[in-house]
Amino acid sequence: SKEFLNTLQEIATQQKALLIIDEVMTSRLAYNGLHTTYGLKPDI
């Protein structure tokens, strides 16, 4: 869900942790990767 994924982005920022998005399967679901449809900005 957008709320869940955006929460992970916020937690990573607050905790100074890295947000790693695994797009091994899902990058085929959007031309620039599925995470871009959520406006996420992963570190890796």
ModelCIF file with pLDDT and N, C-alpha, C, O atoms, coordinates in Angstrom:
data_MODEL
#
_entry.id   MODEL 
#
_entity.id                         1 
_entity.type                       polymer 
_entity.pdbx_number_of_molecules   1 
#
_entity_poly.entity_id                      1 
_entity_poly.type                           'polypeptide(L)' 
_entity_poly.nstd_linkage                   no 
_entity_poly.nstd_monomer                   no 
_entity_poly.pdbx_seq_one_letter_code       SKEFLNTLQEIATQQKALLIIDEVMTSRLAYNGLHTTYGLKPDI 
_entity_poly.pdbx_seq_one_letter_code_can   SKEFLNTLQEIATQQKALLIIDEVMTSRLAYNGLHTTYGLKPDI 
_entity_poly.pdbx_strand_id                 A 
#
loop_
_entity_poly_seq.entity_id 
_entity_poly_seq.num 
_entity_poly_seq.mon_id 
_entity_poly_seq.hetero 
1 1  SER n 
1 2  LYS n 
1 3  GLU n 
1 4  PHE n 
1 5  LEU n 
1 6  ASN n 
1 7  THR n 
1 8  LEU n 
1 9  GLN n 
1 10 GLU n 
1 11 ILE n 
1 12 ALA n 
1 13 THR n 
1 14 GLN n 
1 15 GLN n 
1 16 LYS n 
1 17 ALA n 
1 18 LEU n 
1 19 LEU n 
1 20 ILE n 
1 21 ILE n 
1 22 ASP n 
1 23 GLU n 
1 24 VAL n 
1 25 MET n 
1 26 THR n 
1 27 SER n 
1 28 ARG n 
1 29 LEU n 
1 30 ALA n 
1 31 TYR n 
1 32 ASN n 
1 33 GLY n 
1 34 LEU n 
1 35 HIS n 
1 36 THR n 
1 37 THR n 
1 38 TYR n 
1 39 GLY n 
1 40 LEU n 
1 41 LYS n 
1 42 PRO n 
1 43 ASP n 
1 44 ILE n 
#
_struct_asym.id          A 
_struct_asym.entity_id   1 
#
loop_
_ma_qa_metric.id 
_ma_qa_metric.mode 
_ma_qa_metric.name 
_ma_qa_metric.software_group_id 
_ma_qa_metric.type 
1 global pLDDT . pLDDT 
2 local  pLDDT . pLDDT 
#
_ma_qa_metric_global.metric_id      1 
_ma_qa_metric_global.metric_value   96.36 
_ma_qa_metric_global.model_id       1 
_ma_qa_metric_global.ordinal_id     1 
#
loop_
_ma_qa_metric_local.label_asym_id 
_ma_qa_metric_local.label_comp_id 
_ma_qa_metric_local.label_seq_id 
_ma_qa_metric_local.metric_id 
_ma_qa_metric_local.metric_value 
_ma_qa_metric_local.model_id 
_ma_qa_metric_local.ordinal_id 
A SER 1  2 97.00 1 1  
A LYS 2  2 97.00 1 2  
A GLU 3  2 98.00 1 3  
A PHE 4  2 98.00 1 4  
A LEU 5  2 98.00 1 5  
A ASN 6  2 98.00 1 6  
A THR 7  2 98.00 1 7  
A LEU 8  2 98.00 1 8  
A GLN 9  2 98.00 1 9  
A GLU 10 2 98.00 1 10 
A ILE 11 2 98.00 1 11 
A ALA 12 2 98.00 1 12 
A THR 13 2 98.00 1 13 
A GLN 14 2 97.00 1 14 
A GLN 15 2 98.00 1 15 
A LYS 16 2 97.00 1 16 
A ALA 17 2 98.00 1 17 
A LEU 18 2 98.00 1 18 
A LEU 19 2 98.00 1 19 
A ILE 20 2 98.00 1 20 
A ILE 21 2 98.00 1 21 
A ASP 22 2 97.00 1 22 
A GLU 23 2 96.00 1 23 
A VAL 24 2 94.00 1 24 
A MET 25 2 93.00 1 25 
A THR 26 2 94.00 1 26 
A SER 27 2 93.00 1 27 
A ARG 28 2 91.00 1 28 
A LEU 29 2 94.00 1 29 
A ALA 30 2 94.00 1 30 
A TYR 31 2 92.00 1 31 
A ASN 32 2 92.00 1 32 
A GLY 33 2 94.00 1 33 
A LEU 34 2 96.00 1 34 
A HIS 35 2 97.00 1 35 
A THR 36 2 96.00 1 36 
A THR 37 2 95.00 1 37 
A TYR 38 2 95.00 1 38 
A GLY 39 2 95.00 1 39 
A LEU 40 2 97.00 1 40 
A LYS 41 2 97.00 1 41 
A PRO 42 2 98.00 1 42 
A ASP 43 2 98.00 1 43 
A ILE 44 2 98.00 1 44 
#
loop_
_atom_site.group_PDB 
_atom_site.id 
_atom_site.type_symbol 
_atom_site.label_atom_id 
_atom_site.label_alt_id 
_atom_site.label_comp_id 
_atom_site.label_asym_id 
_atom_site.label_entity_id 
_atom_site.label_seq_id 
_atom_site.pdbx_PDB_ins_code 
_atom_site.Cartn_x 
_atom_site.Cartn_y 
_atom_site.Cartn_z 
_atom_site.occupancy 
_atom_site.B_iso_or_equiv 
_atom_site.pdbx_formal_charge 
_atom_site.auth_seq_id 
_atom_site.auth_comp_id 
_atom_site.auth_asym_id 
_atom_site.auth_atom_id 
_atom_site.pdbx_PDB_model_num 
ATOM 1   N N  . SER A 1 1  ? 0.849  -1.187 0.000   1.00 97.00 ? 1  SER A N  1 
ATOM 2   C CA . SER A 1 1  ? 0.000  0.000  0.000   1.00 97.00 ? 1  SER A CA 1 
ATOM 3   C C  . SER A 1 1  ? 0.888  1.242  0.000   1.00 97.00 ? 1  SER A C  1 
ATOM 4   O O  . SER A 1 1  ? 2.032  1.196  0.451   1.00 97.00 ? 1  SER A O  1 
ATOM 5   N N  . LYS A 1 2  ? 0.359  2.340  -0.503  1.00 97.00 ? 2  LYS A N  1 
ATOM 6   C CA . LYS A 1 2  ? 1.123  3.589  -0.525  1.00 97.00 ? 2  LYS A CA 1 
ATOM 7   C C  . LYS A 1 2  ? 1.477  4.029  0.887   1.00 97.00 ? 2  LYS A C  1 
ATOM 8   O O  . LYS A 1 2  ? 2.587  4.499  1.141   1.00 97.00 ? 2  LYS A O  1 
ATOM 9   N N  . GLU A 1 3  ? 0.521  3.874  1.807   1.00 98.00 ? 3  GLU A N  1 
ATOM 10  C CA . GLU A 1 3  ? 0.778  4.274  3.187   1.00 98.00 ? 3  GLU A CA 1 
ATOM 11  C C  . GLU A 1 3  ? 1.929  3.471  3.782   1.00 98.00 ? 3  GLU A C  1 
ATOM 12  O O  . GLU A 1 3  ? 2.791  4.024  4.464   1.00 98.00 ? 3  GLU A O  1 
ATOM 13  N N  . PHE A 1 4  ? 1.939  2.170  3.523   1.00 98.00 ? 4  PHE A N  1 
ATOM 14  C CA . PHE A 1 4  ? 2.982  1.302  4.068   1.00 98.00 ? 4  PHE A CA 1 
ATOM 15  C C  . PHE A 1 4  ? 4.351  1.655  3.494   1.00 98.00 ? 4  PHE A C  1 
ATOM 16  O O  . PHE A 1 4  ? 5.314  1.816  4.244   1.00 98.00 ? 4  PHE A O  1 
ATOM 17  N N  . LEU A 1 5  ? 4.442  1.777  2.179   1.00 98.00 ? 5  LEU A N  1 
ATOM 18  C CA . LEU A 1 5  ? 5.727  2.042  1.542   1.00 98.00 ? 5  LEU A CA 1 
ATOM 19  C C  . LEU A 1 5  ? 6.247  3.431  1.872   1.00 98.00 ? 5  LEU A C  1 
ATOM 20  O O  . LEU A 1 5  ? 7.447  3.615  2.076   1.00 98.00 ? 5  LEU A O  1 
ATOM 21  N N  . ASN A 1 6  ? 5.351  4.411  1.927   1.00 98.00 ? 6  ASN A N  1 
ATOM 22  C CA . ASN A 1 6  ? 5.774  5.757  2.313   1.00 98.00 ? 6  ASN A CA 1 
ATOM 23  C C  . ASN A 1 6  ? 6.226  5.793  3.769   1.00 98.00 ? 6  ASN A C  1 
ATOM 24  O O  . ASN A 1 6  ? 7.125  6.553  4.127   1.00 98.00 ? 6  ASN A O  1 
ATOM 25  N N  . THR A 1 7  ? 5.599  4.966  4.607   1.00 98.00 ? 7  THR A N  1 
ATOM 26  C CA . THR A 1 7  ? 6.023  4.863  6.004   1.00 98.00 ? 7  THR A CA 1 
ATOM 27  C C  . THR A 1 7  ? 7.444  4.322  6.099   1.00 98.00 ? 7  THR A C  1 
ATOM 28  O O  . THR A 1 7  ? 8.238  4.795  6.913   1.00 98.00 ? 7  THR A O  1 
ATOM 29  N N  . LEU A 1 8  ? 7.767  3.332  5.272   1.00 98.00 ? 8  LEU A N  1 
ATOM 30  C CA . LEU A 1 8  ? 9.125  2.782  5.261   1.00 98.00 ? 8  LEU A CA 1 
ATOM 31  C C  . LEU A 1 8  ? 10.136 3.840  4.845   1.00 98.00 ? 8  LEU A C  1 
ATOM 32  O O  . LEU A 1 8  ? 11.238 3.906  5.390   1.00 98.00 ? 8  LEU A O  1 
ATOM 33  N N  . GLN A 1 9  ? 9.750  4.674  3.866   1.00 98.00 ? 9  GLN A N  1 
ATOM 34  C CA . GLN A 1 9  ? 10.634 5.768  3.445   1.00 98.00 ? 9  GLN A CA 1 
ATOM 35  C C  . GLN A 1 9  ? 10.890 6.720  4.620   1.00 98.00 ? 9  GLN A C  1 
ATOM 36  O O  . GLN A 1 9  ? 12.021 7.142  4.859   1.00 98.00 ? 9  GLN A O  1 
ATOM 37  N N  . GLU A 1 10 ? 9.819  7.045  5.343   1.00 98.00 ? 10 GLU A N  1 
ATOM 38  C CA . GLU A 1 10 ? 9.938  7.957  6.484   1.00 98.00 ? 10 GLU A CA 1 
ATOM 39  C C  . GLU A 1 10 ? 10.790 7.347  7.599   1.00 98.00 ? 10 GLU A C  1 
ATOM 40  O O  . GLU A 1 10 ? 11.626 8.026  8.196   1.00 98.00 ? 10 GLU A O  1 
ATOM 41  N N  . ILE A 1 11 ? 10.570 6.063  7.870   1.00 98.00 ? 11 ILE A N  1 
ATOM 42  C CA . ILE A 1 11 ? 11.334 5.390  8.921   1.00 98.00 ? 11 ILE A CA 1 
ATOM 43  C C  . ILE A 1 11 ? 12.819 5.382  8.581   1.00 98.00 ? 11 ILE A C  1 
ATOM 44  O O  . ILE A 1 11 ? 13.661 5.643  9.440   1.00 98.00 ? 11 ILE A O  1 
ATOM 45  N N  . ALA A 1 12 ? 13.134 5.079  7.320   1.00 98.00 ? 12 ALA A N  1 
ATOM 46  C CA . ALA A 1 12 ? 14.528 5.040  6.899   1.00 98.00 ? 12 ALA A CA 1 
ATOM 47  C C  . ALA A 1 12 ? 15.191 6.399  7.106   1.00 98.00 ? 12 ALA A C  1 
ATOM 48  O O  . ALA A 1 12 ? 16.328 6.480  7.569   1.00 98.00 ? 12 ALA A O  1 
ATOM 49  N N  . THR A 1 13 ? 14.477 7.458  6.761   1.00 98.00 ? 13 THR A N  1 
ATOM 50  C CA . THR A 1 13 ? 15.014 8.808  6.935   1.00 98.00 ? 13 THR A CA 1 
ATOM 51  C C  . THR A 1 13 ? 15.221 9.127  8.415   1.00 98.00 ? 13 THR A C  1 
ATOM 52  O O  . THR A 1 13 ? 16.270 9.636  8.811   1.00 98.00 ? 13 THR A O  1 
ATOM 53  N N  . GLN A 1 14 ? 14.207 8.822  9.223   1.00 97.00 ? 14 GLN A N  1 
ATOM 54  C CA . GLN A 1 14 ? 14.281 9.120  10.656  1.00 97.00 ? 14 GLN A CA 1 
ATOM 55  C C  . GLN A 1 14 ? 15.389 8.333  11.346  1.00 97.00 ? 14 GLN A C  1 
ATOM 56  O O  . GLN A 1 14 ? 16.083 8.855  12.218  1.00 97.00 ? 14 GLN A O  1 
ATOM 57  N N  . GLN A 1 15 ? 15.548 7.062  10.943  1.00 98.00 ? 15 GLN A N  1 
ATOM 58  C CA . GLN A 1 15 ? 16.509 6.183  11.597  1.00 98.00 ? 15 GLN A CA 1 
ATOM 59  C C  . GLN A 1 15 ? 17.908 6.274  10.978  1.00 98.00 ? 15 GLN A C  1 
ATOM 60  O O  . GLN A 1 15 ? 18.843 5.619  11.441  1.00 98.00 ? 15 GLN A O  1 
ATOM 61  N N  . LYS A 1 16 ? 18.040 7.089  9.931   1.00 97.00 ? 16 LYS A N  1 
ATOM 62  C CA . LYS A 1 16 ? 19.300 7.179  9.179   1.00 97.00 ? 16 LYS A CA 1 
ATOM 63  C C  . LYS A 1 16 ? 19.749 5.791  8.724   1.00 97.00 ? 16 LYS A C  1 
ATOM 64  O O  . LYS A 1 16 ? 20.919 5.418  8.806   1.00 97.00 ? 16 LYS A O  1 
ATOM 65  N N  . ALA A 1 17 ? 18.746 5.044  8.239   1.00 98.00 ? 17 ALA A N  1 
ATOM 66  C CA . ALA A 1 17 ? 18.975 3.716  7.671   1.00 98.00 ? 17 ALA A CA 1 
ATOM 67  C C  . ALA A 1 17 ? 18.829 3.812  6.157   1.00 98.00 ? 17 ALA A C  1 
ATOM 68  O O  . ALA A 1 17 ? 18.284 4.790  5.646   1.00 98.00 ? 17 ALA A O  1 
ATOM 69  N N  . LEU A 1 18 ? 19.308 2.811  5.446   1.00 98.00 ? 18 LEU A N  1 
ATOM 70  C CA . LEU A 1 18 ? 19.182 2.807  3.994   1.00 98.00 ? 18 LEU A CA 1 
ATOM 71  C C  . LEU A 1 18 ? 17.915 2.051  3.593   1.00 98.00 ? 18 LEU A C  1 
ATOM 72  O O  . LEU A 1 18 ? 17.642 0.965  4.105   1.00 98.00 ? 18 LEU A O  1 
ATOM 73  N N  . LEU A 1 19 ? 17.156 2.629  2.682   1.00 98.00 ? 19 LEU A N  1 
ATOM 74  C CA . LEU A 1 19 ? 15.988 1.957  2.121   1.00 98.00 ? 19 LEU A CA 1 
ATOM 75  C C  . LEU A 1 19 ? 16.427 1.227  0.859   1.00 98.00 ? 19 LEU A C  1 
ATOM 76  O O  . LEU A 1 19 ? 16.807 1.851  -0.132  1.00 98.00 ? 19 LEU A O  1 
ATOM 77  N N  . ILE A 1 20 ? 16.372 -0.102 0.906   1.00 98.00 ? 20 ILE A N  1 
ATOM 78  C CA . ILE A 1 20 ? 16.753 -0.934 -0.239  1.00 98.00 ? 20 ILE A CA 1 
ATOM 79  C C  . ILE A 1 20 ? 15.485 -1.501 -0.857  1.00 98.00 ? 20 ILE A C  1 
ATOM 80  O O  . ILE A 1 20 ? 14.771 -2.273 -0.217  1.00 98.00 ? 20 ILE A O  1 
ATOM 81  N N  . ILE A 1 21 ? 15.203 -1.125 -2.091  1.00 98.00 ? 21 ILE A N  1 
ATOM 82  C CA . ILE A 1 21 ? 14.044 -1.651 -2.815  1.00 98.00 ? 21 ILE A CA 1 
ATOM 83  C C  . ILE A 1 21 ? 14.498 -2.779 -3.718  1.00 98.00 ? 21 ILE A C  1 
ATOM 84  O O  . ILE A 1 21 ? 15.340 -2.582 -4.595  1.00 98.00 ? 21 ILE A O  1 
ATOM 85  N N  . ASP A 1 22 ? 13.940 -3.963 -3.503  1.00 97.00 ? 22 ASP A N  1 
ATOM 86  C CA . ASP A 1 22 ? 14.248 -5.129 -4.339  1.00 97.00 ? 22 ASP A CA 1 
ATOM 87  C C  . ASP A 1 22 ? 13.317 -5.117 -5.545  1.00 97.00 ? 22 ASP A C  1 
ATOM 88  O O  . ASP A 1 22 ? 12.121 -5.382 -5.425  1.00 97.00 ? 22 ASP A O  1 
ATOM 89  N N  . GLU A 1 23 ? 13.885 -4.805 -6.713  1.00 96.00 ? 23 GLU A N  1 
ATOM 90  C CA . GLU A 1 23 ? 13.101 -4.754 -7.956  1.00 96.00 ? 23 GLU A CA 1 
ATOM 91  C C  . GLU A 1 23 ? 13.478 -5.899 -8.899  1.00 96.00 ? 23 GLU A C  1 
ATOM 92  O O  . GLU A 1 23 ? 13.248 -5.813 -10.105 1.00 96.00 ? 23 GLU A O  1 
ATOM 93  N N  . VAL A 1 24 ? 14.055 -6.969 -8.351  1.00 94.00 ? 24 VAL A N  1 
ATOM 94  C CA . VAL A 1 24 ? 14.456 -8.088 -9.195  1.00 94.00 ? 24 VAL A CA 1 
ATOM 95  C C  . VAL A 1 24 ? 13.259 -8.621 -9.997  1.00 94.00 ? 24 VAL A C  1 
ATOM 96  O O  . VAL A 1 24 ? 13.392 -8.941 -11.178 1.00 94.00 ? 24 VAL A O  1 
ATOM 97  N N  . MET A 1 25 ? 12.102 -8.712 -9.354  1.00 93.00 ? 25 MET A N  1 
ATOM 98  C CA . MET A 1 25 ? 10.895 -9.139 -10.059 1.00 93.00 ? 25 MET A CA 1 
ATOM 99  C C  . MET A 1 25 ? 10.092 -7.964 -10.598 1.00 93.00 ? 25 MET A C  1 
ATOM 100 O O  . MET A 1 25 ? 9.567  -8.026 -11.709 1.00 93.00 ? 25 MET A O  1 
ATOM 101 N N  . THR A 1 26 ? 9.995  -6.896 -9.816  1.00 94.00 ? 26 THR A N  1 
ATOM 102 C CA . THR A 1 26 ? 8.975  -5.884 -10.085 1.00 94.00 ? 26 THR A CA 1 
ATOM 103 C C  . THR A 1 26 ? 9.396  -4.773 -11.038 1.00 94.00 ? 26 THR A C  1 
ATOM 104 O O  . THR A 1 26 ? 8.555  -3.965 -11.432 1.00 94.00 ? 26 THR A O  1 
ATOM 105 N N  . SER A 1 27 ? 10.664 -4.705 -11.420 1.00 93.00 ? 27 SER A N  1 
ATOM 106 C CA . SER A 1 27 ? 11.074 -3.620 -12.322 1.00 93.00 ? 27 SER A CA 1 
ATOM 107 C C  . SER A 1 27 ? 10.385 -3.724 -13.678 1.00 93.00 ? 27 SER A C  1 
ATOM 108 O O  . SER A 1 27 ? 10.305 -2.735 -14.406 1.00 93.00 ? 27 SER A O  1 
ATOM 109 N N  . ARG A 1 28 ? 9.890  -4.905 -14.024 1.00 91.00 ? 28 ARG A N  1 
ATOM 110 C CA . ARG A 1 28 ? 9.158  -5.089 -15.288 1.00 91.00 ? 28 ARG A CA 1 
ATOM 111 C C  . ARG A 1 28 ? 7.743  -4.511 -15.226 1.00 91.00 ? 28 ARG A C  1 
ATOM 112 O O  . ARG A 1 28 ? 7.056  -4.443 -16.245 1.00 91.00 ? 28 ARG A O  1 
ATOM 113 N N  . LEU A 1 29 ? 7.302  -4.092 -14.029 1.00 94.00 ? 29 LEU A N  1 
ATOM 114 C CA . LEU A 1 29 ? 5.931  -3.618 -13.856 1.00 94.00 ? 29 LEU A CA 1 
ATOM 115 C C  . LEU A 1 29 ? 5.780  -2.117 -14.090 1.00 94.00 ? 29 LEU A C  1 
ATOM 116 O O  . LEU A 1 29 ? 4.667  -1.592 -14.053 1.00 94.00 ? 29 LEU A O  1 
ATOM 117 N N  . ALA A 1 30 ? 6.876  -1.435 -14.326 1.00 94.00 ? 30 ALA A N  1 
ATOM 118 C CA . ALA A 1 30 ? 6.858  -0.021 -14.712 1.00 94.00 ? 30 ALA A CA 1 
ATOM 119 C C  . ALA A 1 30 ? 8.170  0.256  -15.423 1.00 94.00 ? 30 ALA A C  1 
ATOM 120 O O  . ALA A 1 30 ? 9.194  -0.335 -15.080 1.00 94.00 ? 30 ALA A O  1 
ATOM 121 N N  . TYR A 1 31 ? 8.158  1.133  -16.396 1.00 92.00 ? 31 TYR A N  1 
ATOM 122 C CA . TYR A 1 31 ? 9.328  1.309  -17.262 1.00 92.00 ? 31 TYR A CA 1 
ATOM 123 C C  . TYR A 1 31 ? 10.569 1.708  -16.471 1.00 92.00 ? 31 TYR A C  1 
ATOM 124 O O  . TYR A 1 31 ? 11.677 1.298  -16.818 1.00 92.00 ? 31 TYR A O  1 
ATOM 125 N N  . ASN A 1 32 ? 10.404 2.493  -15.423 1.00 92.00 ? 32 ASN A N  1 
ATOM 126 C CA . ASN A 1 32 ? 11.538 2.914  -14.600 1.00 92.00 ? 32 ASN A CA 1 
ATOM 127 C C  . ASN A 1 32 ? 11.558 2.233  -13.237 1.00 92.00 ? 32 ASN A C  1 
ATOM 128 O O  . ASN A 1 32 ? 12.195 2.716  -12.301 1.00 92.00 ? 32 ASN A O  1 
ATOM 129 N N  . GLY A 1 33 ? 10.855 1.108  -13.134 1.00 94.00 ? 33 GLY A N  1 
ATOM 130 C CA . GLY A 1 33 ? 10.789 0.394  -11.865 1.00 94.00 ? 33 GLY A CA 1 
ATOM 131 C C  . GLY A 1 33 ? 9.514  0.732  -11.123 1.00 94.00 ? 33 GLY A C  1 
ATOM 132 O O  . GLY A 1 33 ? 9.051  1.873  -11.162 1.00 94.00 ? 33 GLY A O  1 
ATOM 133 N N  . LEU A 1 34 ? 8.944  -0.248 -10.450 1.00 96.00 ? 34 LEU A N  1 
ATOM 134 C CA . LEU A 1 34 ? 7.649  -0.059 -9.796  1.00 96.00 ? 34 LEU A CA 1 
ATOM 135 C C  . LEU A 1 34 ? 7.715  0.989  -8.684  1.00 96.00 ? 34 LEU A C  1 
ATOM 136 O O  . LEU A 1 34 ? 6.717  1.652  -8.403  1.00 96.00 ? 34 LEU A O  1 
ATOM 137 N N  . HIS A 1 35 ? 8.864  1.143  -8.059  1.00 97.00 ? 35 HIS A N  1 
ATOM 138 C CA . HIS A 1 35 ? 8.966  2.108  -6.954  1.00 97.00 ? 35 HIS A CA 1 
ATOM 139 C C  . HIS A 1 35 ? 8.717  3.540  -7.415  1.00 97.00 ? 35 HIS A C  1 
ATOM 140 O O  . HIS A 1 35 ? 8.306  4.385  -6.620  1.00 97.00 ? 35 HIS A O  1 
ATOM 141 N N  . THR A 1 36 ? 8.966  3.818  -8.705  1.00 96.00 ? 36 THR A N  1 
ATOM 142 C CA . THR A 1 36 ? 8.770  5.185  -9.199  1.00 96.00 ? 36 THR A CA 1 
ATOM 143 C C  . THR A 1 36 ? 7.291  5.566  -9.237  1.00 96.00 ? 36 THR A C  1 
ATOM 144 O O  . THR A 1 36 ? 6.959  6.750  -9.168  1.00 96.00 ? 36 THR A O  1 
ATOM 145 N N  . THR A 1 37 ? 6.403  4.583  -9.346  1.00 95.00 ? 37 THR A N  1 
ATOM 146 C CA . THR A 1 37 ? 4.967  4.889  -9.377  1.00 95.00 ? 37 THR A CA 1 
ATOM 147 C C  . THR A 1 37 ? 4.471  5.316  -8.003  1.00 95.00 ? 37 THR A C  1 
ATOM 148 O O  . THR A 1 37 ? 3.373  5.861  -7.886  1.00 95.00 ? 37 THR A O  1 
ATOM 149 N N  . TYR A 1 38 ? 5.264  5.076  -6.961  1.00 95.00 ? 38 TYR A N  1 
ATOM 150 C CA . TYR A 1 38 ? 4.916  5.477  -5.599  1.00 95.00 ? 38 TYR A CA 1 
ATOM 151 C C  . TYR A 1 38 ? 5.652  6.746  -5.186  1.00 95.00 ? 38 TYR A C  1 
ATOM 152 O O  . TYR A 1 38 ? 5.421  7.275  -4.099  1.00 95.00 ? 38 TYR A O  1 
ATOM 153 N N  . GLY A 1 39 ? 6.532  7.232  -6.048  1.00 95.00 ? 39 GLY A N  1 
ATOM 154 C CA . GLY A 1 39 ? 7.325  8.401  -5.693  1.00 95.00 ? 39 GLY A CA 1 
ATOM 155 C C  . GLY A 1 39 ? 8.398  8.102  -4.667  1.00 95.00 ? 39 GLY A C  1 
ATOM 156 O O  . GLY A 1 39 ? 8.894  9.019  -4.012  1.00 95.00 ? 39 GLY A O  1 
ATOM 157 N N  . LEU A 1 40 ? 8.769  6.833  -4.511  1.00 97.00 ? 40 LEU A N  1 
ATOM 158 C CA . LEU A 1 40 ? 9.790  6.454  -3.536  1.00 97.00 ? 40 LEU A CA 1 
ATOM 159 C C  . LEU A 1 40 ? 11.183 6.822  -4.038  1.00 97.00 ? 40 LEU A C  1 
ATOM 160 O O  . LEU A 1 40 ? 11.434 6.842  -5.243  1.00 97.00 ? 40 LEU A O  1 
ATOM 161 N N  . LYS A 1 41 ? 12.077 7.109  -3.109  1.00 97.00 ? 41 LYS A N  1 
ATOM 162 C CA . LYS A 1 41 ? 13.457 7.430  -3.457  1.00 97.00 ? 41 LYS A CA 1 
ATOM 163 C C  . LYS A 1 41 ? 14.388 6.530  -2.646  1.00 97.00 ? 41 LYS A C  1 
ATOM 164 O O  . LYS A 1 41 ? 14.948 6.952  -1.634  1.00 97.00 ? 41 LYS A O  1 
ATOM 165 N N  . PRO A 1 42 ? 14.547 5.284  -3.103  1.00 98.00 ? 42 PRO A N  1 
ATOM 166 C CA . PRO A 1 42 ? 15.388 4.342  -2.364  1.00 98.00 ? 42 PRO A CA 1 
ATOM 167 C C  . PRO A 1 42 ? 16.856 4.755  -2.416  1.00 98.00 ? 42 PRO A C  1 
ATOM 168 O O  . PRO A 1 42 ? 17.288 5.466  -3.323  1.00 98.00 ? 42 PRO A O  1 
ATOM 169 N N  . ASP A 1 43 ? 17.608 4.294  -1.423  1.00 98.00 ? 43 ASP A N  1 
ATOM 170 C CA . ASP A 1 43 ? 19.048 4.535  -1.405  1.00 98.00 ? 43 ASP A CA 1 
ATOM 171 C C  . ASP A 1 43 ? 19.772 3.548  -2.309  1.00 98.00 ? 43 ASP A C  1 
ATOM 172 O O  . ASP A 1 43 ? 20.790 3.870  -2.921  1.00 98.00 ? 43 ASP A O  1 
ATOM 173 N N  . ILE A 1 44 ? 19.215 2.321  -2.381  1.00 98.00 ? 44 ILE A N  1 
ATOM 174 C CA . ILE A 1 44 ? 19.778 1.274  -3.237  1.00 98.00 ? 44 ILE A CA 1 
ATOM 175 C C  . ILE A 1 44 ? 18.623 0.508  -3.880  1.00 98.00 ? 44 ILE A C  1 
ATOM 176 O O  . ILE A 1 44 ? 18.853 -0.426 -4.648  1.00 98.00 ? 44 ILE A O  1 
#
